C-alpha atoms as a PDB file:
ATOM      1  CA  UNK A   1      23.714 -12.614 -35.732  1.00  0.00           C
ATOM      2  CA  UNK A   2      27.762 -12.136 -35.698  1.00  0.00           C
ATOM      3  CA  UNK A   3      29.822 -13.314 -38.535  1.00  0.00           C
ATOM      4  CA  UNK A   4      33.717 -13.039 -36.802  1.00  0.00           C
ATOM      5  CA  UNK A   5      34.973 -14.439 -33.981  1.00  0.00           C
ATOM      6  CA  UNK A   6      35.551 -10.732 -32.207  1.00  0.00           C
ATOM      7  CA  UNK A   7      32.327  -9.973 -32.698  1.00  0.00           C
ATOM      8  CA  UNK A   8      31.076 -13.072 -31.177  1.00  0.00           C
ATOM      9  CA  UNK A   9      33.495 -12.431 -27.936  1.00  0.00           C
ATOM     10  CA  UNK A  10      31.829  -8.372 -28.278  1.00  0.00           C
ATOM     11  CA  UNK A  11      28.363 -10.239 -27.586  1.00  0.00           C
ATOM     12  CA  UNK A  12      29.469 -12.073 -25.042  1.00  0.00           C
ATOM     13  CA  UNK A  13      31.150  -9.547 -23.219  1.00  0.00           C
ATOM     14  CA  UNK A  14      28.100  -7.338 -23.592  1.00  0.00           C
ATOM     15  CA  UNK A  15      25.997  -9.544 -22.194  1.00  0.00           C
ATOM     16  CA  UNK A  16      28.546 -10.078 -18.840  1.00  0.00           C
ATOM     17  CA  UNK A  17      28.539  -6.198 -18.506  1.00  0.00           C
ATOM     18  CA  UNK A  18      25.111  -5.349 -19.242  1.00  0.00           C
ATOM     19  CA  UNK A  19      24.709  -7.845 -16.395  1.00  0.00           C
ATOM     20  CA  UNK A  20      26.895  -6.328 -14.046  1.00  0.00           C
ATOM     21  CA  UNK A  21      25.160  -2.813 -15.128  1.00  0.00           C
ATOM     22  CA  UNK A  22      21.922  -4.067 -14.021  1.00  0.00           C
ATOM     23  CA  UNK A  23      23.005  -5.420 -10.437  1.00  0.00           C
ATOM     24  CA  UNK A  24      24.728  -2.261  -9.383  1.00  0.00           C
ATOM     25  CA  UNK A  25      22.065   0.357 -10.820  1.00  0.00           C
ATOM     26  CA  UNK A  26      19.725  -1.700  -9.001  1.00  0.00           C
ATOM     27  CA  UNK A  27      21.768  -2.019  -5.542  1.00  0.00           C
ATOM     28  CA  UNK A  28      22.687   2.078  -6.144  1.00  0.00           C
ATOM     29  CA  UNK A  29      18.924   2.450  -6.288  1.00  0.00           C
ATOM     30  CA  UNK A  30      17.726   0.201  -3.008  1.00  0.00           C
ATOM     31  CA  UNK A  31      20.379   2.227  -1.045  1.00  0.00           C
ATOM     32  CA  UNK A  32      18.959   5.540  -1.777  1.00  0.00           C
ATOM     33  CA  UNK A  33      15.304   4.205  -1.195  1.00  0.00           C
ATOM     34  CA  UNK A  34      15.963   2.620   2.268  1.00  0.00           C
ATOM     35  CA  UNK A  35      17.276   6.264   2.793  1.00  0.00           C
ATOM     36  CA  UNK A  36      14.239   8.189   1.798  1.00  0.00           C
ATOM     37  CA  UNK A  37      11.995   5.679   3.413  1.00  0.00           C
ATOM     38  CA  UNK A  38      13.770   5.973   6.891  1.00  0.00           C
ATOM     39  CA  UNK A  39      13.285   9.840   6.544  1.00  0.00           C
ATOM     40  CA  UNK A  40       9.589   9.698   5.396  1.00  0.00           C
ATOM     41  CA  UNK A  41       8.972   7.681   8.329  1.00  0.00           C
ATOM     42  CA  UNK A  42      10.950   9.608  10.980  1.00  0.00           C
ATOM     43  CA  UNK A  43      13.158   7.551  11.750  1.00  0.00           C
ATOM     44  CA  UNK A  44      16.353   9.171  12.587  1.00  0.00           C
ATOM     45  CA  UNK A  45      18.393   6.248  13.780  1.00  0.00           C
ATOM     46  CA  UNK A  46      17.512   3.974  10.536  1.00  0.00           C
ATOM     47  CA  UNK A  47      18.299   6.716   8.534  1.00  0.00           C
ATOM     48  CA  UNK A  48      21.663   7.518   9.756  1.00  0.00           C
ATOM     49  CA  UNK A  49      22.321   3.500   9.449  1.00  0.00           C
ATOM     50  CA  UNK A  50      21.470   3.717   5.795  1.00  0.00           C
ATOM     51  CA  UNK A  51      22.926   6.666   5.233  1.00  0.00           C
ATOM     52  CA  UNK A  52      26.326   4.910   6.579  1.00  0.00           C
ATOM     53  CA  UNK A  53      25.889   1.909   3.916  1.00  0.00           C
ATOM     54  CA  UNK A  54      25.183   4.249   1.316  1.00  0.00           C
ATOM     55  CA  UNK A  55      28.162   6.227   2.020  1.00  0.00           C
ATOM     56  CA  UNK A  56      30.310   3.123   2.346  1.00  0.00           C
ATOM     57  CA  UNK A  57      28.948   1.429  -0.862  1.00  0.00           C
ATOM     58  CA  UNK A  58      28.769   4.896  -3.356  1.00  0.00           C
ATOM     59  CA  UNK A  59      32.297   5.659  -2.122  1.00  0.00           C
ATOM     60  CA  UNK A  60      33.241   1.613  -2.965  1.00  0.00           C
ATOM     61  CA  UNK A  61      31.810   1.670  -6.567  1.00  0.00           C
ATOM     62  CA  UNK A  62      33.526   4.778  -7.484  1.00  0.00           C
ATOM     63  CA  UNK A  63      37.028   3.506  -6.588  1.00  0.00           C
ATOM     64  CA  UNK A  64      35.411   0.709  -8.566  1.00  0.00           C
ATOM     65  CA  UNK A  65      35.102   2.823 -11.639  1.00  0.00           C
ATOM     66  CA  UNK A  66      31.043   2.305 -11.508  1.00  0.00           C
ATOM     67  CA  UNK A  67      30.115   5.723 -10.309  1.00  0.00           C
ATOM     68  CA  UNK A  68      31.952   8.605 -11.298  1.00  0.00           C
ATOM     69  CA  UNK A  69      33.981  10.269  -8.091  1.00  0.00           C
ATOM     70  CA  UNK A  70      31.818  13.510  -7.948  1.00  0.00           C
ATOM     71  CA  UNK A  71      28.198  11.434  -8.748  1.00  0.00           C
ATOM     72  CA  UNK A  72      29.160   9.554  -5.848  1.00  0.00           C
ATOM     73  CA  UNK A  73      30.064  12.560  -3.653  1.00  0.00           C
ATOM     74  CA  UNK A  74      27.144  14.620  -4.584  1.00  0.00           C
ATOM     75  CA  UNK A  75      24.920  12.047  -4.091  1.00  0.00           C
ATOM     76  CA  UNK A  76      25.787  10.938  -0.536  1.00  0.00           C
ATOM     77  CA  UNK A  77      26.039  14.586  -0.032  1.00  0.00           C
ATOM     78  CA  UNK A  78      22.196  14.932  -0.696  1.00  0.00           C
ATOM     79  CA  UNK A  79      21.335  12.328   1.124  1.00  0.00           C
ATOM     80  CA  UNK A  80      23.040  13.518   4.207  1.00  0.00           C
ATOM     81  CA  UNK A  81      20.984  16.873   3.702  1.00  0.00           C
ATOM     82  CA  UNK A  82      17.899  15.060   3.371  1.00  0.00           C
ATOM     83  CA  UNK A  83      19.008  12.837   6.846  1.00  0.00           C
ATOM     84  CA  UNK A  84      20.416  16.516   8.617  1.00  0.00           C
ATOM     85  CA  UNK A  85      16.948  17.796   8.171  1.00  0.00           C
ATOM     86  CA  UNK A  86      15.557  15.065  10.437  1.00  0.00           C
ATOM     87  CA  UNK A  87      17.678  16.043  13.472  1.00  0.00           C
ATOM     88  CA  UNK A  88      16.523  20.314  12.954  1.00  0.00           C
ATOM     89  CA  UNK A  89      12.776  19.084  12.792  1.00  0.00           C
ATOM     90  CA  UNK A  90      13.319  16.547  15.908  1.00  0.00           C
ATOM     91  CA  UNK A  91      15.121  19.499  17.401  1.00  0.00           C
END
């Protein structure tokens, strides 16, 4: 257990950060999953809406410092490619 005031503060900070990080990690996974499920179902409208949501959220997270800028761009790009495959299959 902590013996110093600063160590006790660090423990409190770590708990807050862990909880915050868990929230964002879960959110990122769920947003990504929504796009992938819509693509698997073949629903282009739902996939496009989910992709818009992902784009907005990921870039917002990169602005806040939760995701690195290039990571957000790469993930959105890959999901966009996935959604675009639906358009070519339907056509």
